[in-house]
Amino acid sequence: MLNRDTSLLAFRLVIVAIFLWHGVPKVIDPAGTMDSFAGLGLPGWLGPITGWVEVIAASMLAVGFRHRWAAAALLVVIVGALVTVQIPGGMSSGLERDALIFAGLLVLLKETRLAYAIGRGE
């Protein structure tokens, strides 16, 4: 049976994988990302910045460094995704996934200490 620390680590790594999966392409192709964001009615320059926030904050979360700061930054990103893409698109657009990510980030934001982390508290 998994203990609490191991469960939180697994949970954390799933969230990290999701944000890296979505963030790395934004960083690799900033021009395409700018076009995508502009197509959503958002400023194009916001796309690459969002990608860098996703990659940097997910990396911090992965190693447990300033995890609450990282979770807060990712909460801003996921709220933006929910408001601009998921809620207008309805349940078929990934709303339920992003709602779960939002809830998971709230859990990590609440945690003051994480095991398996290079930062032991904030």
C-alpha atoms as a PDB file:
ATOM      1  CA  MET A   1       0.000   0.000   0.000  1.00  0.00           C
ATOM      2  CA  LEU A   2       1.256   3.488  -0.840  1.00  0.00           C
ATOM      3  CA  ASN A   3       1.882   5.858   1.997  1.00  0.00           C
ATOM      4  CA  ARG A   4       0.898   9.522   1.883  1.00  0.00           C
ATOM      5  CA  ASP A   5       4.326  10.769   0.770  1.00  0.00           C
ATOM      6  CA  THR A   6       4.582   8.296  -2.094  1.00  0.00           C
ATOM      7  CA  SER A   7       1.023   9.049  -3.179  1.00  0.00           C
ATOM      8  CA  LEU A   8       1.721  12.788  -3.238  1.00  0.00           C
ATOM      9  CA  LEU A   9       4.882  12.160  -5.251  1.00  0.00           C
ATOM     10  CA  ALA A  10       2.984  10.132  -7.850  1.00  0.00           C
ATOM     11  CA  PHE A  11       0.264  12.767  -7.946  1.00  0.00           C
ATOM     12  CA  ARG A  12       2.839  15.539  -8.339  1.00  0.00           C
ATOM     13  CA  LEU A  13       4.640  13.739 -11.166  1.00  0.00           C
ATOM     14  CA  VAL A  14       1.419  13.231 -13.133  1.00  0.00           C
ATOM     15  CA  ILE A  15       0.716  16.968 -12.939  1.00  0.00           C
ATOM     16  CA  VAL A  16       4.319  17.681 -13.943  1.00  0.00           C
ATOM     17  CA  ALA A  17       4.027  15.394 -16.983  1.00  0.00           C
ATOM     18  CA  ILE A  18       0.840  17.130 -18.134  1.00  0.00           C
ATOM     19  CA  PHE A  19       2.346  20.608 -17.904  1.00  0.00           C
ATOM     20  CA  LEU A  20       5.586  19.562 -19.597  1.00  0.00           C
ATOM     21  CA  TRP A  21       3.574  17.859 -22.363  1.00  0.00           C
ATOM     22  CA  HIS A  22       1.754  21.126 -23.038  1.00  0.00           C
ATOM     23  CA  GLY A  23       4.545  23.573 -22.205  1.00  0.00           C
ATOM     24  CA  VAL A  24       7.506  22.204 -24.168  1.00  0.00           C
ATOM     25  CA  PRO A  25       5.832  22.574 -27.597  1.00  0.00           C
ATOM     26  CA  LYS A  26       4.977  26.198 -26.750  1.00  0.00           C
ATOM     27  CA  VAL A  27       8.637  26.870 -25.985  1.00  0.00           C
ATOM     28  CA  ILE A  28       9.958  24.990 -29.036  1.00  0.00           C
ATOM     29  CA  ASP A  29       7.602  26.709 -31.504  1.00  0.00           C
ATOM     30  CA  PRO A  30       6.983  30.231 -30.222  1.00  0.00           C
ATOM     31  CA  ALA A  31       5.678  31.493 -33.585  1.00  0.00           C
ATOM     32  CA  GLY A  32       3.062  28.737 -33.803  1.00  0.00           C
ATOM     33  CA  THR A  33       2.155  29.297 -30.178  1.00  0.00           C
ATOM     34  CA  MET A  34       1.695  33.007 -30.783  1.00  0.00           C
ATOM     35  CA  ASP A  35      -0.631  32.211 -33.693  1.00  0.00           C
ATOM     36  CA  SER A  36      -2.626  29.766 -31.556  1.00  0.00           C
ATOM     37  CA  PHE A  37      -3.070  32.262 -28.753  1.00  0.00           C
ATOM     38  CA  ALA A  38      -4.003  35.019 -31.187  1.00  0.00           C
ATOM     39  CA  GLY A  39      -6.597  32.656 -32.674  1.00  0.00           C
ATOM     40  CA  LEU A  40      -8.161  32.416 -29.220  1.00  0.00           C
ATOM     41  CA  GLY A  41      -8.388  36.197 -29.042  1.00  0.00           C
ATOM     42  CA  LEU A  42      -5.455  36.450 -26.629  1.00  0.00           C
ATOM     43  CA  PRO A  43      -2.293  38.477 -27.131  1.00  0.00           C
ATOM     44  CA  GLY A  44       0.123  36.302 -29.121  1.00  0.00           C
ATOM     45  CA  TRP A  45       3.086  37.154 -26.905  1.00  0.00           C
ATOM     46  CA  LEU A  46       1.298  35.470 -23.998  1.00  0.00           C
ATOM     47  CA  GLY A  47       1.730  32.028 -25.589  1.00  0.00           C
ATOM     48  CA  PRO A  48       5.503  31.594 -25.287  1.00  0.00           C
ATOM     49  CA  ILE A  49       5.460  33.145 -21.807  1.00  0.00           C
ATOM     50  CA  THR A  50       2.804  30.624 -20.778  1.00  0.00           C
ATOM     51  CA  GLY A  51       4.979  27.836 -22.181  1.00  0.00           C
ATOM     52  CA  TRP A  52       8.010  28.960 -20.191  1.00  0.00           C
ATOM     53  CA  VAL A  53       5.928  29.253 -17.013  1.00  0.00           C
ATOM     54  CA  GLU A  54       4.625  25.722 -17.572  1.00  0.00           C
ATOM     55  CA  VAL A  55       8.101  24.273 -18.153  1.00  0.00           C
ATOM     56  CA  ILE A  56       9.881  26.112 -15.335  1.00  0.00           C
ATOM     57  CA  ALA A  57       7.126  25.678 -12.729  1.00  0.00           C
ATOM     58  CA  ALA A  58       6.613  22.004 -13.658  1.00  0.00           C
ATOM     59  CA  SER A  59      10.357  21.398 -13.306  1.00  0.00           C
ATOM     60  CA  MET A  60      10.323  23.072  -9.895  1.00  0.00           C
ATOM     61  CA  LEU A  61       7.361  20.932  -8.888  1.00  0.00           C
ATOM     62  CA  ALA A  62       9.092  17.782 -10.116  1.00  0.00           C
ATOM     63  CA  VAL A  63      12.035  18.249  -7.775  1.00  0.00           C
ATOM     64  CA  GLY A  64      10.020  19.838  -4.989  1.00  0.00           C
ATOM     65  CA  PHE A  65      11.802  23.181  -5.088  1.00  0.00           C
ATOM     66  CA  ARG A  66       9.520  26.021  -3.972  1.00  0.00           C
ATOM     67  CA  HIS A  67       6.601  23.762  -4.800  1.00  0.00           C
ATOM     68  CA  ARG A  68       3.985  26.162  -3.480  1.00  0.00           C
ATOM     69  CA  TRP A  69       5.262  28.966  -5.724  1.00  0.00           C
ATOM     70  CA  ALA A  70       5.293  26.545  -8.640  1.00  0.00           C
ATOM     71  CA  ALA A  71       1.758  25.336  -7.880  1.00  0.00           C
ATOM     72  CA  ALA A  72       0.535  28.946  -7.645  1.00  0.00           C
ATOM     73  CA  ALA A  73       2.079  29.792 -11.027  1.00  0.00           C
ATOM     74  CA  LEU A  74       0.515  26.711 -12.596  1.00  0.00           C
ATOM     75  CA  LEU A  75      -2.835  27.587 -11.035  1.00  0.00           C
ATOM     76  CA  VAL A  76      -2.755  30.875 -12.937  1.00  0.00           C
ATOM     77  CA  VAL A  77      -2.050  28.962 -16.159  1.00  0.00           C
ATOM     78  CA  ILE A  78      -4.809  26.402 -15.592  1.00  0.00           C
ATOM     79  CA  VAL A  79      -7.363  29.066 -14.650  1.00  0.00           C
ATOM     80  CA  GLY A  80      -6.479  30.826 -17.910  1.00  0.00           C
ATOM     81  CA  ALA A  81      -6.977  27.579 -19.839  1.00  0.00           C
ATOM     82  CA  LEU A  82     -10.277  26.903 -18.108  1.00  0.00           C
ATOM     83  CA  VAL A  83     -11.650  30.384 -18.763  1.00  0.00           C
ATOM     84  CA  THR A  84     -10.435  30.860 -22.341  1.00  0.00           C
ATOM     85  CA  VAL A  85     -10.614  27.335 -23.784  1.00  0.00           C
ATOM     86  CA  GLN A  86     -12.227  24.670 -21.642  1.00  0.00           C
ATOM     87  CA  ILE A  87     -15.365  26.309 -20.236  1.00  0.00           C
ATOM     88  CA  PRO A  88     -16.363  27.851 -23.586  1.00  0.00           C
ATOM     89  CA  GLY A  89     -15.732  24.464 -25.261  1.00  0.00           C
ATOM     90  CA  GLY A  90     -17.838  22.439 -22.837  1.00  0.00           C
ATOM     91  CA  MET A  91     -17.198  18.960 -21.466  1.00  0.00           C
ATOM     92  CA  SER A  92     -15.825  17.595 -24.739  1.00  0.00           C
ATOM     93  CA  SER A  93     -12.896  20.016 -24.736  1.00  0.00           C
ATOM     94  CA  GLY A  94     -10.983  18.664 -21.738  1.00  0.00           C
ATOM     95  CA  LEU A  95     -12.832  20.636 -19.085  1.00  0.00           C
ATOM     96  CA  GLU A  96     -12.913  17.691 -16.691  1.00  0.00           C
ATOM     97  CA  ARG A  97      -9.135  17.126 -17.038  1.00  0.00           C
ATOM     98  CA  ASP A  98      -8.298  20.744 -16.354  1.00  0.00           C
ATOM     99  CA  ALA A  99     -10.754  20.883 -13.447  1.00  0.00           C
ATOM    100  CA  LEU A 100      -8.920  17.908 -11.904  1.00  0.00           C
ATOM    101  CA  ILE A 101      -5.565  19.584 -12.506  1.00  0.00           C
ATOM    102  CA  PHE A 102      -6.925  22.704 -10.803  1.00  0.00           C
ATOM    103  CA  ALA A 103      -8.006  20.645  -7.783  1.00  0.00           C
ATOM    104  CA  GLY A 104      -4.666  18.843  -7.687  1.00  0.00           C
ATOM    105  CA  LEU A 105      -2.747  22.103  -7.720  1.00  0.00           C
ATOM    106  CA  LEU A 106      -4.869  23.341  -4.820  1.00  0.00           C
ATOM    107  CA  VAL A 107      -3.854  20.226  -2.856  1.00  0.00           C
ATOM    108  CA  LEU A 108      -0.171  20.835  -3.616  1.00  0.00           C
ATOM    109  CA  LEU A 109      -0.511  24.520  -2.761  1.00  0.00           C
ATOM    110  CA  LYS A 110      -1.886  23.550   0.649  1.00  0.00           C
ATOM    111  CA  GLU A 111       0.969  21.139   1.396  1.00  0.00           C
ATOM    112  CA  THR A 112       3.657  22.926   3.384  1.00  0.00           C
ATOM    113  CA  ARG A 113       6.190  20.095   3.231  1.00  0.00           C
ATOM    114  CA  LEU A 114       6.781  17.490   0.582  1.00  0.00           C
ATOM    115  CA  ALA A 115       8.805  14.317   0.879  1.00  0.00           C
ATOM    116  CA  TYR A 116      11.135  13.507  -1.993  1.00  0.00           C
ATOM    117  CA  ALA A 117      11.886  17.193  -2.489  1.00  0.00           C
ATOM    118  CA  ILE A 118      14.979  19.361  -2.528  1.00  0.00           C
ATOM    119  CA  GLY A 119      13.058  22.126  -0.769  1.00  0.00           C
ATOM    120  CA  ARG A 120      11.746  21.064   2.625  1.00  0.00           C
ATOM    121  CA  GLY A 121       9.135  23.750   3.116  1.00  0.00           C
ATOM    122  CA  GLU A 122       8.336  27.320   2.297  1.00  0.00           C
END
